[in-house]
Amino acid sequence: MKLYYSPGACSLSPHIVLREMGLTFELEKVDLQSKKTESGSDFRSVNPNGYVPLLALDDGQVLTEGPAIVQYLADRAPEARLAPEAGTMERYRLVEWLNFISTELHKAFAPLFNPKTPEEWKAIVNDLIAARLAYVEKKLDGQAYLMGDNFTVADAYLFTVLSWGKWVGVDIGRWPTLQSYTNRISSRPTVQAALRAEGLI
């Protein structure tokens, strides 16, 4: 398998999951501005949308969209317990979290990275993000991870999105439970390995 990624982007989530599972995989860095891969090819020939992550499978198929990729990976190695069994209520709770992170947090951060976003709109977005993070903080109270005691693919995704705060002026330290959560995940050896591989530490 090959994961197409950009350092620190949402592709960090499946990158962490791949390392958690101990799977053999390749990495191919993508410049999201030029749409060129590290090897010099046009990334749009692989993904016409031009964004990461993309997982190239050994049978020639490709899979896009982070929540789909991480569930595919988790189902390949159920013994890693990175996702509850398909068809269970716990699995739907995982899907619920992945959708929340994708639509309510990931997309909310996007305007803060765009230099053309008016300051007035950034203020509105910051308020929205703060409300969403307060919700997650409350949900995490008294538990180690989003699904309880076990680290799952949803935690890899939430950690990735929370890590963007330092780049756009969202101080995660305002939420002590979220800060502790982020520190706990950051200390995982697999997460450290992914961050090093992407040149982030």
C-alpha atoms as a PDB file:
ATOM      1  CA  MET A   1       0.000   0.000   0.000  1.00  0.00           C
ATOM      2  CA  LYS A   2       1.029   3.581  -0.567  1.00  0.00           C
ATOM      3  CA  LEU A   3      -0.281   6.588   1.330  1.00  0.00           C
ATOM      4  CA  TYR A   4      -0.183   9.927  -0.453  1.00  0.00           C
ATOM      5  CA  TYR A   5       0.179  12.630   2.175  1.00  0.00           C
ATOM      6  CA  SER A   6       1.100  16.216   2.886  1.00  0.00           C
ATOM      7  CA  PRO A   7       2.933  16.950   6.157  1.00  0.00           C
ATOM      8  CA  GLY A   8       0.509  17.752   8.970  1.00  0.00           C
ATOM      9  CA  ALA A   9      -2.568  17.621   6.728  1.00  0.00           C
ATOM     10  CA  CYS A  10      -5.543  15.354   7.419  1.00  0.00           C
ATOM     11  CA  SER A  11      -3.517  12.529   5.849  1.00  0.00           C
ATOM     12  CA  LEU A  12      -1.668  12.368   9.178  1.00  0.00           C
ATOM     13  CA  SER A  13      -4.685  10.467  10.540  1.00  0.00           C
ATOM     14  CA  PRO A  14      -4.387   7.371   8.265  1.00  0.00           C
ATOM     15  CA  HIS A  15      -0.600   7.641   8.563  1.00  0.00           C
ATOM     16  CA  ILE A  16      -0.919   7.200  12.341  1.00  0.00           C
ATOM     17  CA  VAL A  17      -3.389   4.335  11.844  1.00  0.00           C
ATOM     18  CA  LEU A  18      -1.023   2.516   9.478  1.00  0.00           C
ATOM     19  CA  ARG A  19       1.733   2.717  12.086  1.00  0.00           C
ATOM     20  CA  GLU A  20      -0.620   1.636  14.880  1.00  0.00           C
ATOM     21  CA  MET A  21      -1.397  -1.480  12.859  1.00  0.00           C
ATOM     22  CA  GLY A  22       2.221  -2.254  12.051  1.00  0.00           C
ATOM     23  CA  LEU A  23       1.416  -2.605   8.356  1.00  0.00           C
ATOM     24  CA  THR A  24       4.007  -2.358   5.607  1.00  0.00           C
ATOM     25  CA  PHE A  25       3.375   0.725   3.488  1.00  0.00           C
ATOM     26  CA  GLU A  26       5.038   3.400   1.389  1.00  0.00           C
ATOM     27  CA  LEU A  27       4.690   7.156   1.753  1.00  0.00           C
ATOM     28  CA  GLU A  28       4.512   9.592  -1.147  1.00  0.00           C
ATOM     29  CA  LYS A  29       4.573  13.281  -0.266  1.00  0.00           C
ATOM     30  CA  VAL A  30       2.335  15.634  -2.238  1.00  0.00           C
ATOM     31  CA  ASP A  31       2.829  19.364  -2.715  1.00  0.00           C
ATOM     32  CA  LEU A  32      -0.744  20.598  -2.448  1.00  0.00           C
ATOM     33  CA  GLN A  33       0.044  23.861  -4.222  1.00  0.00           C
ATOM     34  CA  SER A  34       1.713  22.445  -7.335  1.00  0.00           C
ATOM     35  CA  LYS A  35      -0.155  19.094  -7.152  1.00  0.00           C
ATOM     36  CA  LYS A  36       3.156  17.330  -7.764  1.00  0.00           C
ATOM     37  CA  THR A  37       4.231  14.249  -5.871  1.00  0.00           C
ATOM     38  CA  GLU A  38       7.665  13.759  -4.362  1.00  0.00           C
ATOM     39  CA  SER A  39       8.580  11.581  -7.356  1.00  0.00           C
ATOM     40  CA  GLY A  40       7.576  14.363  -9.772  1.00  0.00           C
ATOM     41  CA  SER A  41       4.277  12.992 -11.067  1.00  0.00           C
ATOM     42  CA  ASP A  42       1.006  14.887 -11.343  1.00  0.00           C
ATOM     43  CA  PHE A  43      -1.029  13.926  -8.286  1.00  0.00           C
ATOM     44  CA  ARG A  44      -4.248  14.778 -10.129  1.00  0.00           C
ATOM     45  CA  SER A  45      -3.632  11.747 -12.346  1.00  0.00           C
ATOM     46  CA  VAL A  46      -4.161   9.656  -9.199  1.00  0.00           C
ATOM     47  CA  ASN A  47      -6.769  11.843  -7.502  1.00  0.00           C
ATOM     48  CA  PRO A  48      -8.515  14.369  -9.772  1.00  0.00           C
ATOM     49  CA  ASN A  49      -9.659  16.269  -6.665  1.00  0.00           C
ATOM     50  CA  GLY A  50      -6.017  17.061  -5.946  1.00  0.00           C
ATOM     51  CA  TYR A  51      -6.134  16.608  -2.184  1.00  0.00           C
ATOM     52  CA  VAL A  52      -4.860  14.074   0.322  1.00  0.00           C
ATOM     53  CA  PRO A  53      -5.162  11.487   1.750  1.00  0.00           C
ATOM     54  CA  LEU A  54      -5.242   8.836  -0.912  1.00  0.00           C
ATOM     55  CA  LEU A  55      -4.440   5.196  -0.251  1.00  0.00           C
ATOM     56  CA  ALA A  56      -3.221   3.189  -3.236  1.00  0.00           C
ATOM     57  CA  LEU A  57      -4.029  -0.474  -2.653  1.00  0.00           C
ATOM     58  CA  ASP A  58      -1.941  -3.413  -3.760  1.00  0.00           C
ATOM     59  CA  ASP A  59      -4.626  -4.533  -6.235  1.00  0.00           C
ATOM     60  CA  GLY A  60      -4.485  -1.211  -8.102  1.00  0.00           C
ATOM     61  CA  GLN A  61      -7.543   0.376  -6.544  1.00  0.00           C
ATOM     62  CA  VAL A  62      -7.371   3.714  -4.771  1.00  0.00           C
ATOM     63  CA  LEU A  63      -9.354   4.876  -1.771  1.00  0.00           C
ATOM     64  CA  THR A  64      -9.892   8.531  -0.869  1.00  0.00           C
ATOM     65  CA  GLU A  65     -11.452  10.418   2.062  1.00  0.00           C
ATOM     66  CA  GLY A  66      -9.856   9.996   5.463  1.00  0.00           C
ATOM     67  CA  PRO A  67     -12.823   8.490   7.359  1.00  0.00           C
ATOM     68  CA  ALA A  68     -13.256   5.800   4.677  1.00  0.00           C
ATOM     69  CA  ILE A  69      -9.525   5.038   4.597  1.00  0.00           C
ATOM     70  CA  VAL A  70      -9.126   4.642   8.355  1.00  0.00           C
ATOM     71  CA  GLN A  71     -12.148   2.330   8.610  1.00  0.00           C
ATOM     72  CA  TYR A  72     -10.852   0.234   5.718  1.00  0.00           C
ATOM     73  CA  LEU A  73      -7.513  -0.079   7.472  1.00  0.00           C
ATOM     74  CA  ALA A  74      -9.057  -0.889  10.852  1.00  0.00           C
ATOM     75  CA  ASP A  75     -11.168  -3.650   9.307  1.00  0.00           C
ATOM     76  CA  ARG A  76      -8.069  -5.235   7.794  1.00  0.00           C
ATOM     77  CA  ALA A  77      -6.657  -5.920  11.255  1.00  0.00           C
ATOM     78  CA  PRO A  78      -9.507  -6.186  13.759  1.00  0.00           C
ATOM     79  CA  GLU A  79      -7.119  -7.537  16.384  1.00  0.00           C
ATOM     80  CA  ALA A  80      -5.618  -4.026  16.663  1.00  0.00           C
ATOM     81  CA  ARG A  81      -9.010  -2.875  18.037  1.00  0.00           C
ATOM     82  CA  LEU A  82      -8.848   0.460  16.228  1.00  0.00           C
ATOM     83  CA  ALA A  83     -12.545   0.250  15.349  1.00  0.00           C
ATOM     84  CA  PRO A  84     -15.457  -1.687  16.843  1.00  0.00           C
ATOM     85  CA  GLU A  85     -16.871  -4.574  14.845  1.00  0.00           C
ATOM     86  CA  ALA A  86     -18.946  -3.567  11.827  1.00  0.00           C
ATOM     87  CA  GLY A  87     -22.682  -3.642  12.429  1.00  0.00           C
ATOM     88  CA  THR A  88     -22.482  -2.982  16.157  1.00  0.00           C
ATOM     89  CA  MET A  89     -23.854   0.102  17.869  1.00  0.00           C
ATOM     90  CA  GLU A  90     -20.300   0.916  18.968  1.00  0.00           C
ATOM     91  CA  ARG A  91     -19.248   1.024  15.315  1.00  0.00           C
ATOM     92  CA  TYR A  92     -21.994   3.502  14.529  1.00  0.00           C
ATOM     93  CA  ARG A  93     -20.764   5.623  17.445  1.00  0.00           C
ATOM     94  CA  LEU A  94     -17.330   5.594  15.816  1.00  0.00           C
ATOM     95  CA  VAL A  95     -18.852   6.650  12.492  1.00  0.00           C
ATOM     96  CA  GLU A  96     -20.724   9.371  14.376  1.00  0.00           C
ATOM     97  CA  TRP A  97     -17.439  10.732  15.727  1.00  0.00           C
ATOM     98  CA  LEU A  98     -15.673  10.509  12.360  1.00  0.00           C
ATOM     99  CA  ASN A  99     -18.496  12.475  10.740  1.00  0.00           C
ATOM    100  CA  PHE A 100     -18.511  15.069  13.505  1.00  0.00           C
ATOM    101  CA  ILE A 101     -14.761  15.593  13.233  1.00  0.00           C
ATOM    102  CA  SER A 102     -14.954  15.793   9.440  1.00  0.00           C
ATOM    103  CA  THR A 103     -17.895  18.163   9.107  1.00  0.00           C
ATOM    104  CA  GLU A 104     -17.905  20.169  12.331  1.00  0.00           C
ATOM    105  CA  LEU A 105     -14.178  20.528  13.036  1.00  0.00           C
ATOM    106  CA  HIS A 106     -12.076  19.735   9.969  1.00  0.00           C
ATOM    107  CA  LYS A 107     -14.131  21.906   7.635  1.00  0.00           C
ATOM    108  CA  ALA A 108     -14.444  24.645  10.249  1.00  0.00           C
ATOM    109  CA  PHE A 109     -10.653  25.003  10.409  1.00  0.00           C
ATOM    110  CA  ALA A 110     -10.304  25.337   6.619  1.00  0.00           C
ATOM    111  CA  PRO A 111     -11.142  29.093   6.358  1.00  0.00           C
ATOM    112  CA  LEU A 112      -8.485  29.900   8.974  1.00  0.00           C
ATOM    113  CA  PHE A 113      -5.781  28.562   6.643  1.00  0.00           C
ATOM    114  CA  ASN A 114      -6.984  30.692   3.724  1.00  0.00           C
ATOM    115  CA  PRO A 115      -5.267  34.107   3.625  1.00  0.00           C
ATOM    116  CA  LYS A 116      -8.221  35.479   1.641  1.00  0.00           C
ATOM    117  CA  THR A 117     -10.718  34.793   4.428  1.00  0.00           C
ATOM    118  CA  PRO A 118     -11.922  38.141   5.861  1.00  0.00           C
ATOM    119  CA  GLU A 119     -11.055  38.753   9.511  1.00  0.00           C
ATOM    120  CA  GLU A 120     -14.743  39.154  10.346  1.00  0.00           C
ATOM    121  CA  TRP A 121     -15.456  35.664   9.040  1.00  0.00           C
ATOM    122  CA  LYS A 122     -12.446  34.246  10.890  1.00  0.00           C
ATOM    123  CA  ALA A 123     -13.893  35.607  14.130  1.00  0.00           C
ATOM    124  CA  ILE A 124     -17.187  33.827  13.438  1.00  0.00           C
ATOM    125  CA  VAL A 125     -15.344  30.603  12.595  1.00  0.00           C
ATOM    126  CA  ASN A 126     -13.267  30.839  15.776  1.00  0.00           C
ATOM    127  CA  ASP A 127     -16.444  31.095  17.839  1.00  0.00           C
ATOM    128  CA  LEU A 128     -17.884  28.057  16.059  1.00  0.00           C
ATOM    129  CA  ILE A 129     -14.718  26.034  16.631  1.00  0.00           C
ATOM    130  CA  ALA A 130     -14.680  27.033  20.305  1.00  0.00           C
ATOM    131  CA  ALA A 131     -18.259  25.774  20.731  1.00  0.00           C
ATOM    132  CA  ARG A 132     -17.431  22.475  19.019  1.00  0.00           C
ATOM    133  CA  LEU A 133     -14.271  21.989  21.084  1.00  0.00           C
ATOM    134  CA  ALA A 134     -16.170  22.693  24.294  1.00  0.00           C
ATOM    135  CA  TYR A 135     -18.568  19.905  23.282  1.00  0.00           C
ATOM    136  CA  VAL A 136     -15.695  17.464  22.683  1.00  0.00           C
ATOM    137  CA  GLU A 137     -14.079  18.503  25.970  1.00  0.00           C
ATOM    138  CA  LYS A 138     -17.287  17.625  27.812  1.00  0.00           C
ATOM    139  CA  LYS A 139     -17.566  14.269  26.036  1.00  0.00           C
ATOM    140  CA  LEU A 140     -13.966  13.379  26.937  1.00  0.00           C
ATOM    141  CA  ASP A 141     -14.403  14.197  30.619  1.00  0.00           C
ATOM    142  CA  GLY A 142     -13.505  11.115  32.650  1.00  0.00           C
ATOM    143  CA  GLN A 143     -12.304   8.976  29.745  1.00  0.00           C
ATOM    144  CA  ALA A 144      -9.001   8.538  27.970  1.00  0.00           C
ATOM    145  CA  TYR A 145     -10.264   8.450  24.381  1.00  0.00           C
ATOM    146  CA  LEU A 146     -13.368   9.268  22.366  1.00  0.00           C
ATOM    147  CA  MET A 147     -14.675   5.710  22.600  1.00  0.00           C
ATOM    148  CA  GLY A 148     -13.607   5.120  26.204  1.00  0.00           C
ATOM    149  CA  ASP A 149     -10.426   3.337  27.232  1.00  0.00           C
ATOM    150  CA  ASN A 150      -9.300   2.263  23.752  1.00  0.00           C
ATOM    151  CA  PHE A 151      -7.524   4.409  21.171  1.00  0.00           C
ATOM    152  CA  THR A 152      -9.399   4.244  17.853  1.00  0.00           C
ATOM    153  CA  VAL A 153      -9.169   5.694  14.367  1.00  0.00           C
ATOM    154  CA  ALA A 154     -11.392   8.564  15.538  1.00  0.00           C
ATOM    155  CA  ASP A 155      -8.674   9.611  17.989  1.00  0.00           C
ATOM    156  CA  ALA A 156      -6.086   9.677  15.208  1.00  0.00           C
ATOM    157  CA  TYR A 157      -8.355  12.023  13.255  1.00  0.00           C
ATOM    158  CA  LEU A 158      -9.236  14.277  16.195  1.00  0.00           C
ATOM    159  CA  PHE A 159      -5.567  14.527  17.205  1.00  0.00           C
ATOM    160  CA  THR A 160      -4.684  15.584  13.665  1.00  0.00           C
ATOM    161  CA  VAL A 161      -7.324  18.320  13.564  1.00  0.00           C
ATOM    162  CA  LEU A 162      -6.454  19.586  17.050  1.00  0.00           C
ATOM    163  CA  SER A 163      -2.801  19.855  16.005  1.00  0.00           C
ATOM    164  CA  TRP A 164      -3.797  22.553  13.495  1.00  0.00           C
ATOM    165  CA  GLY A 165      -4.640  24.959  16.316  1.00  0.00           C
ATOM    166  CA  LYS A 166      -1.053  26.129  16.669  1.00  0.00           C
ATOM    167  CA  TRP A 167      -0.931  27.132  12.998  1.00  0.00           C
ATOM    168  CA  VAL A 168      -4.098  29.251  13.024  1.00  0.00           C
ATOM    169  CA  GLY A 169      -4.180  30.741  16.504  1.00  0.00           C
ATOM    170  CA  VAL A 170      -6.626  28.341  18.162  1.00  0.00           C
ATOM    171  CA  ASP A 171      -5.174  27.714  21.617  1.00  0.00           C
ATOM    172  CA  ILE A 172      -6.140  24.165  22.574  1.00  0.00           C
ATOM    173  CA  GLY A 173      -4.812  24.920  26.068  1.00  0.00           C
ATOM    174  CA  ARG A 174      -8.087  26.775  26.737  1.00  0.00           C
ATOM    175  CA  TRP A 175      -9.604  23.316  27.173  1.00  0.00           C
ATOM    176  CA  PRO A 176      -7.516  21.426  29.773  1.00  0.00           C
ATOM    177  CA  THR A 177      -9.086  18.051  29.027  1.00  0.00           C
ATOM    178  CA  LEU A 178      -8.361  18.451  25.321  1.00  0.00           C
ATOM    179  CA  GLN A 179      -4.808  19.509  26.074  1.00  0.00           C
ATOM    180  CA  SER A 180      -4.247  16.428  28.235  1.00  0.00           C
ATOM    181  CA  TYR A 181      -5.849  14.266  25.542  1.00  0.00           C
ATOM    182  CA  THR A 182      -3.574  15.740  22.865  1.00  0.00           C
ATOM    183  CA  ASN A 183      -0.494  15.232  25.027  1.00  0.00           C
ATOM    184  CA  ARG A 184      -1.500  11.622  25.730  1.00  0.00           C
ATOM    185  CA  ILE A 185      -1.887  10.817  22.041  1.00  0.00           C
ATOM    186  CA  SER A 186       1.248  12.713  21.060  1.00  0.00           C
ATOM    187  CA  SER A 187       3.286  10.528  23.412  1.00  0.00           C
ATOM    188  CA  ARG A 188       2.288   7.300  21.632  1.00  0.00           C
ATOM    189  CA  PRO A 189       5.358   5.826  19.874  1.00  0.00           C
ATOM    190  CA  THR A 190       3.428   5.338  16.634  1.00  0.00           C
ATOM    191  CA  VAL A 191       2.318   8.965  16.631  1.00  0.00           C
ATOM    192  CA  GLN A 192       5.864  10.135  17.311  1.00  0.00           C
ATOM    193  CA  ALA A 193       7.067   7.964  14.419  1.00  0.00           C
ATOM    194  CA  ALA A 194       4.457   9.439  12.053  1.00  0.00           C
ATOM    195  CA  LEU A 195       5.324  12.998  13.093  1.00  0.00           C
ATOM    196  CA  ARG A 196       9.027  12.337  12.562  1.00  0.00           C
ATOM    197  CA  ALA A 197       8.419  10.742   9.162  1.00  0.00           C
ATOM    198  CA  GLU A 198       6.491  13.832   8.055  1.00  0.00           C
ATOM    199  CA  GLY A 199       9.187  16.195   9.343  1.00  0.00           C
ATOM    200  CA  LEU A 200       6.903  17.693  11.981  1.00  0.00           C
ATOM    201  CA  ILE A 201       9.257  17.026  14.905  1.00  0.00           C
END
